[in-house]
Protein backbone atom coordinates (compact mmCIF):
# COMPACT_ATOMS: atom_id res chain seq x y z
CA MET A 1 70.70 141.66 100.57
CA SER A 2 70.90 137.33 100.41
CA THR A 3 69.37 136.41 97.27
CA PRO A 4 67.77 133.16 97.45
CA ARG A 5 68.92 130.38 94.52
CA PHE A 6 65.37 129.13 94.36
CA LEU A 7 61.37 130.06 95.19
CA THR A 8 59.76 126.70 94.45
CA LEU A 9 58.73 124.90 97.92
CA PRO A 10 60.28 122.06 99.03
CA PRO A 11 58.03 118.79 100.21
CA GLY A 12 56.68 120.07 103.16
CA VAL A 13 56.87 124.01 103.07
CA ARG A 14 53.85 126.21 102.80
CA ARG A 15 53.46 130.04 103.47
CA THR A 16 51.79 130.65 105.60
CA GLU A 17 50.36 133.48 108.58
CA ILE A 18 51.49 133.51 112.47
CA GLU A 19 48.66 135.02 114.84
CA THR A 20 50.90 136.60 117.71
CA SER A 21 49.62 139.02 120.03
CA ARG A 22 51.61 141.98 118.77
CA GLY A 23 50.71 140.92 114.98
CA THR A 24 50.36 138.80 111.88
CA PHE A 25 53.17 137.73 109.90
CA ALA A 26 54.19 135.85 106.96
CA ALA A 27 55.50 133.01 107.69
CA LEU A 28 57.46 129.83 105.48
CA GLU A 29 56.51 126.94 107.80
CA ALA A 30 58.14 123.08 107.65
CA LEU A 31 56.82 120.56 109.03
CA PRO A 32 58.10 116.62 109.28
CA GLY A 33 57.63 114.13 106.48
CA SER A 34 54.92 111.99 107.99
CA GLY A 35 54.32 111.96 111.49
CA VAL A 36 53.82 115.02 113.89
CA PRO A 37 56.56 116.94 114.72
CA GLU A 38 58.13 115.20 117.89
CA ARG A 39 61.07 117.98 118.61
CA CYS A 40 60.89 121.45 119.95
CA PRO A 41 60.37 123.72 116.76
CA ALA A 42 62.71 126.33 115.86
CA LEU A 43 61.76 129.73 114.99
CA LEU A 44 64.28 132.12 112.65
CA VAL A 45 64.39 135.30 112.13
CA PRO A 46 66.07 137.41 108.54
CA GLY A 47 68.02 140.16 108.47
CA PHE A 48 67.78 143.61 106.85
CA THR A 49 66.48 144.02 103.68
CA GLY A 50 65.92 139.98 104.23
CA SER A 51 63.16 138.07 104.57
CA LYS A 52 61.73 134.54 105.03
CA GLU A 53 62.82 133.33 101.76
CA ASP A 54 66.71 133.75 102.99
CA PHE A 55 66.28 130.73 104.94
CA ILE A 56 64.40 128.79 101.84
CA ALA A 57 67.10 125.87 101.33
CA VAL A 58 67.65 124.32 104.95
CA LEU A 59 63.66 124.90 105.93
CA GLN A 60 63.37 121.12 104.41
CA SER A 61 66.04 119.73 106.07
CA LEU A 62 65.66 121.41 109.40
CA ALA A 63 61.80 119.65 109.46
CA ARG A 64 63.38 116.28 108.71
CA PRO A 65 64.00 114.51 112.16
CA GLY A 66 60.72 115.69 113.57
CA ARG A 67 60.93 119.11 114.43
CA ARG A 68 58.51 122.31 112.77
CA VAL A 69 60.72 125.18 111.62
CA VAL A 70 59.00 127.99 110.91
CA ALA A 71 60.76 131.66 108.80
CA ILE A 72 59.05 135.26 109.43
CA ASP A 73 59.17 138.29 107.64
CA MET A 74 59.72 140.78 110.52
CA ARG A 75 56.95 143.73 111.03
CA GLY A 76 57.64 145.82 107.78
CA GLN A 77 59.09 143.37 105.51
CA TYR A 78 58.27 142.01 102.07
CA GLU A 79 54.48 140.35 102.99
CA SER A 80 54.20 141.80 107.15
CA THR A 81 52.67 145.18 106.41
CA GLY A 82 53.83 147.61 109.46
CA PRO A 83 52.67 150.78 111.39
CA GLU A 84 54.10 154.24 109.60
CA ASP A 85 55.75 154.62 112.92
CA GLU A 86 59.33 154.52 113.09
CA ALA A 87 59.35 153.17 116.94
CA ALA A 88 57.74 149.70 115.01
CA TYR A 89 60.75 149.81 113.41
CA ALA A 90 63.58 149.92 116.98
CA LEU A 91 65.01 147.02 118.97
CA PRO A 92 62.90 147.07 121.46
CA ALA A 93 59.74 147.13 119.15
CA LEU A 94 60.78 144.80 117.03
CA GLY A 95 62.74 142.18 119.86
CA ALA A 96 58.80 142.56 121.42
CA ASP A 97 57.66 140.94 118.12
CA VAL A 98 60.03 138.10 118.29
CA ARG A 99 59.42 137.35 122.17
CA ALA A 100 55.33 137.25 120.52
CA LEU A 101 56.13 134.93 118.18
CA LEU A 102 58.33 131.99 120.57
CA ASP A 103 55.02 132.88 122.67
CA ALA A 104 52.66 131.78 119.11
CA LEU A 105 54.95 128.39 118.40
CA GLY A 106 54.48 127.43 122.50
CA PRO A 107 54.27 125.92 124.44
CA GLU A 108 57.68 124.19 124.57
CA PRO A 109 60.08 126.34 123.80
CA ALA A 110 61.78 127.70 120.78
CA HIS A 111 64.85 127.27 119.18
CA LEU A 112 65.83 131.15 118.45
CA VAL A 113 68.11 131.62 115.33
CA GLY A 114 69.08 135.71 114.04
CA HIS A 115 70.14 136.26 110.29
CA SER A 116 72.73 139.60 110.47
CA PHE A 117 70.08 142.66 111.19
CA GLY A 118 68.01 139.90 112.87
CA GLY A 119 71.17 138.70 115.31
CA LEU A 120 70.08 141.92 116.97
CA VAL A 121 66.58 142.16 116.77
CA THR A 122 66.39 137.99 118.41
CA ARG A 123 69.61 139.70 120.97
CA GLU A 124 66.73 142.55 121.69
CA ALA A 125 64.14 139.57 122.62
CA ILE A 126 65.72 137.95 124.77
CA LEU A 127 67.68 141.04 126.92
CA GLY A 128 64.48 143.21 126.28
CA ALA A 129 61.70 141.31 126.01
CA GLY A 130 62.58 138.30 128.46
CA ALA A 131 62.28 135.90 125.93
CA ARG A 132 63.90 132.79 127.02
CA PRO A 133 64.22 131.01 124.05
CA LEU A 134 65.59 126.24 123.99
CA SER A 135 68.31 127.64 122.28
CA TYR A 136 70.15 130.54 120.69
CA THR A 137 72.20 131.29 117.41
CA LEU A 138 73.18 134.52 115.82
CA MET A 139 73.84 133.40 112.18
CA SER A 140 76.44 135.59 110.52
CA SER A 141 75.68 138.60 113.41
CA GLY A 142 78.04 141.02 115.41
CA PRO A 143 78.70 142.01 118.45
CA SER A 144 76.57 146.03 117.55
CA ALA A 145 77.14 147.53 114.19
CA ILE A 146 77.54 146.52 111.14
CA THR A 147 81.04 146.39 109.76
CA GLY A 148 82.63 146.35 106.53
CA PRO A 149 81.50 147.17 103.08
CA ARG A 150 77.90 145.90 103.84
CA ARG A 151 78.12 149.06 105.87
CA ARG A 152 78.59 151.48 103.13
CA ASP A 153 76.01 150.16 101.27
CA VAL A 154 73.15 150.61 104.87
CA GLU A 155 74.92 153.94 104.44
CA SER A 156 73.83 155.34 100.78
CA LEU A 157 70.29 153.30 101.93
CA VAL A 158 69.81 155.81 103.92
CA THR A 159 71.02 159.34 102.53
CA MET A 160 68.87 157.75 98.72
CA LEU A 161 65.63 156.75 99.89
CA PRO A 162 64.39 160.41 101.26
CA GLN A 163 65.26 161.98 97.41
CA LEU A 164 65.06 159.40 95.59
CA GLY A 165 62.06 156.89 97.07
CA VAL A 166 62.55 152.83 96.67
CA HIS A 167 60.99 152.64 93.39
CA ARG A 168 64.07 154.47 91.85
CA ILE A 169 66.17 152.95 93.48
CA TRP A 170 65.84 149.05 92.90
CA ALA A 171 65.50 150.53 88.99
CA GLU A 172 69.32 152.71 89.10
CA HIS A 173 70.43 151.08 91.41
CA LEU A 174 69.71 147.57 92.79
CA GLU A 175 68.28 146.07 89.53
CA PRO A 176 71.69 146.59 87.50
CA ASP A 177 73.40 144.82 90.09
CA ALA A 178 70.91 141.89 90.19
CA ARG A 179 71.51 141.72 86.50
CA ALA A 180 75.23 142.18 85.80
CA GLY A 181 75.28 138.82 88.56
CA ARG A 182 73.13 136.71 85.23
CA LEU A 183 70.42 135.79 87.96
CA PRO A 184 67.35 133.90 86.81
CA GLU A 185 64.41 136.23 85.61
CA GLU A 186 62.34 134.69 88.25
CA ILE A 187 64.88 135.59 90.90
CA ILE A 188 65.04 139.55 90.14
CA GLY A 189 61.52 139.67 90.07
CA PHE A 190 61.16 138.17 93.37
CA LEU A 191 63.92 141.08 94.55
CA ARG A 192 61.85 143.66 93.16
CA ARG A 193 58.63 142.27 95.27
CA ARG A 194 60.24 142.04 98.43
CA MET A 195 62.07 145.31 98.12
CA LEU A 196 58.95 147.95 96.25
CA GLY A 197 57.11 145.16 99.82
CA ASN A 198 58.37 147.10 102.16
CA SER A 199 57.92 149.52 104.96
CA VAL A 200 60.02 152.85 103.65
CA THR A 201 59.76 153.75 107.08
CA GLY A 202 60.71 150.46 108.30
CA LEU A 203 63.74 151.01 105.75
CA LEU A 204 64.74 153.11 107.23
CA THR A 205 64.43 153.01 110.72
CA MET A 206 66.45 149.14 110.87
CA ALA A 207 69.43 150.94 108.63
CA ARG A 208 69.84 152.95 111.77
CA GLU A 209 69.28 150.70 113.86
CA ILE A 210 71.90 148.74 112.22
CA LEU A 211 74.36 151.37 112.30
CA ASP A 212 74.31 152.35 115.11
CA ALA A 213 73.65 148.86 117.28
CA PRO A 214 76.05 149.01 121.27
CA ASP A 215 77.77 146.44 122.15
CA ARG A 216 75.01 144.27 124.53
CA VAL A 217 77.61 140.89 124.36
CA GLU A 218 78.57 141.25 127.96
CA GLU A 219 74.72 141.73 128.60
CA LEU A 220 73.72 138.77 126.52
CA ALA A 221 76.23 136.19 128.40
CA LYS A 222 75.35 137.65 131.63
CA VAL A 223 71.35 136.14 130.66
CA SER A 224 72.59 132.76 128.66
CA ASP A 225 75.11 132.14 131.81
CA GLU A 226 72.17 133.23 134.79
CA ALA A 227 69.65 131.16 132.22
CA GLY A 228 71.53 128.20 130.88
CA LEU A 229 70.57 129.00 128.08
CA PRO A 230 72.71 127.48 125.23
CA VAL A 231 74.84 129.77 122.26
CA LEU A 232 76.08 129.01 118.78
CA VAL A 233 77.73 132.19 116.98
CA LEU A 234 77.39 130.69 112.87
CA PHE A 235 79.09 133.25 110.38
CA GLY A 236 80.80 132.03 106.48
CA GLU A 237 84.87 132.62 106.50
CA ASN A 238 84.27 135.00 103.73
CA ASP A 239 81.72 137.15 105.81
CA ASN A 240 81.69 140.69 104.00
CA ALA A 241 80.03 142.38 106.74
CA TRP A 242 80.71 141.56 110.31
CA GLU A 243 84.28 140.65 109.99
CA PRO A 244 85.09 136.72 110.70
CA ARG A 245 87.75 137.84 113.57
CA VAL A 246 85.22 140.11 115.08
CA GLN A 247 82.25 137.54 115.34
CA ALA A 248 84.90 134.73 116.72
CA GLU A 249 85.71 137.20 119.12
CA MET A 250 82.06 137.96 119.91
CA ALA A 251 81.74 133.81 120.47
CA GLU A 252 84.04 133.92 122.96
CA ARG A 253 83.05 136.18 124.56
CA LEU A 254 79.97 134.16 125.69
CA GLY A 255 81.21 131.66 125.87
CA ALA A 256 79.41 129.81 122.46
CA ALA A 257 80.13 127.79 120.61
CA ARG A 258 81.59 128.35 116.95
CA VAL A 259 80.97 126.90 113.35
CA VAL A 260 82.51 128.61 110.72
CA ILE A 261 81.07 127.62 107.36
CA PRO A 262 83.65 127.13 104.50
CA GLY A 263 82.71 128.88 101.25
CA ALA A 264 80.15 130.88 102.45
CA ALA A 265 79.96 135.15 102.56
CA HIS A 266 77.08 137.30 105.06
CA SER A 267 74.54 133.98 104.01
CA PRO A 268 74.91 130.57 104.89
CA ALA A 269 71.60 129.65 104.62
CA VAL A 270 71.51 129.84 100.78
CA GLU A 271 74.98 129.67 100.16
CA ALA A 272 76.26 126.39 101.66
CA PRO A 273 72.20 125.24 102.94
CA GLU A 274 73.10 121.30 103.61
CA THR A 275 76.48 123.12 105.81
CA THR A 276 74.32 124.94 107.26
CA ALA A 277 71.52 123.22 108.25
CA SER A 278 73.44 120.46 109.38
CA ALA A 279 74.88 122.43 112.28
CA LEU A 280 71.88 124.18 112.84
CA ALA A 281 70.05 120.22 113.83
CA ASP A 282 73.21 119.13 115.28
CA PHE A 283 73.76 122.50 117.87
CA TRP A 284 69.28 121.91 118.50
CA ARG A 285 69.68 118.33 119.34
CA ALA A 286 72.57 118.59 122.42
CA ALA A 287 70.20 121.77 123.08
CA GLU A 288 67.81 119.16 123.98
CA CYS A 289 69.52 116.79 125.14
CA GLY A 290 71.78 119.47 127.89
CA THR A 291 74.70 118.89 125.93
CA ALA A 292 75.28 122.13 124.34
CA ARG A 293 77.36 124.49 126.41
């Protein structure tokens, strides 16, 4: 899971809720320090077991040039409630949620960013729900099911969760790992609240989706080409989920821009926030000017 390094909201960032045609989603919203937003908004979607707080370190920088930036908890994640219905957490339903969130941020088109599993969800929003953002960024995500060491973590969760329950998994596995990493008590407390706040049905369904997701890169390439949708593939040089090589190949197949974040692994917005925010801001400006590919 992504682990934010701090939880204090920067100036101009607030906790809020986004009302949509498909329900209410917990969010962090960043606004420019002065004046009204003059640039197109942006929507940031977290990964599996993640949350809106995964983007806390980049929100202020992304909003500063004059835009509204919103990071959300997906349905069933942390502070966004969800039903005990597996279908609500399958990729088609989550993609429809993202489409509804983009509509709620309108009327102008928004930039869309999907981190990790959020990349698969946002891809579904475009291919399945017909979303047409102003630009699209796949951050630390891949062409299909998750690979690498993190795949084993997801497989273990699918096996253990029905047997142990989320409380025991936290107490016996996740909390010891967090303490071994010498995380501050404030961060450990947050990770506990976030993990226990997840819908168990949602965790299991999303886990199966991330393990079984098909390769839809060719479909996305066709849609992005026909719609003139600029695409960016951004990842850390040491990503341990989808291999950097796999993500680079995906960028080539998409005809997308590619940014590799030095020193980052699977969570560039946490591990290298300034570099990540700069890369996103540059890409968004190019998309607004019509110069992004």
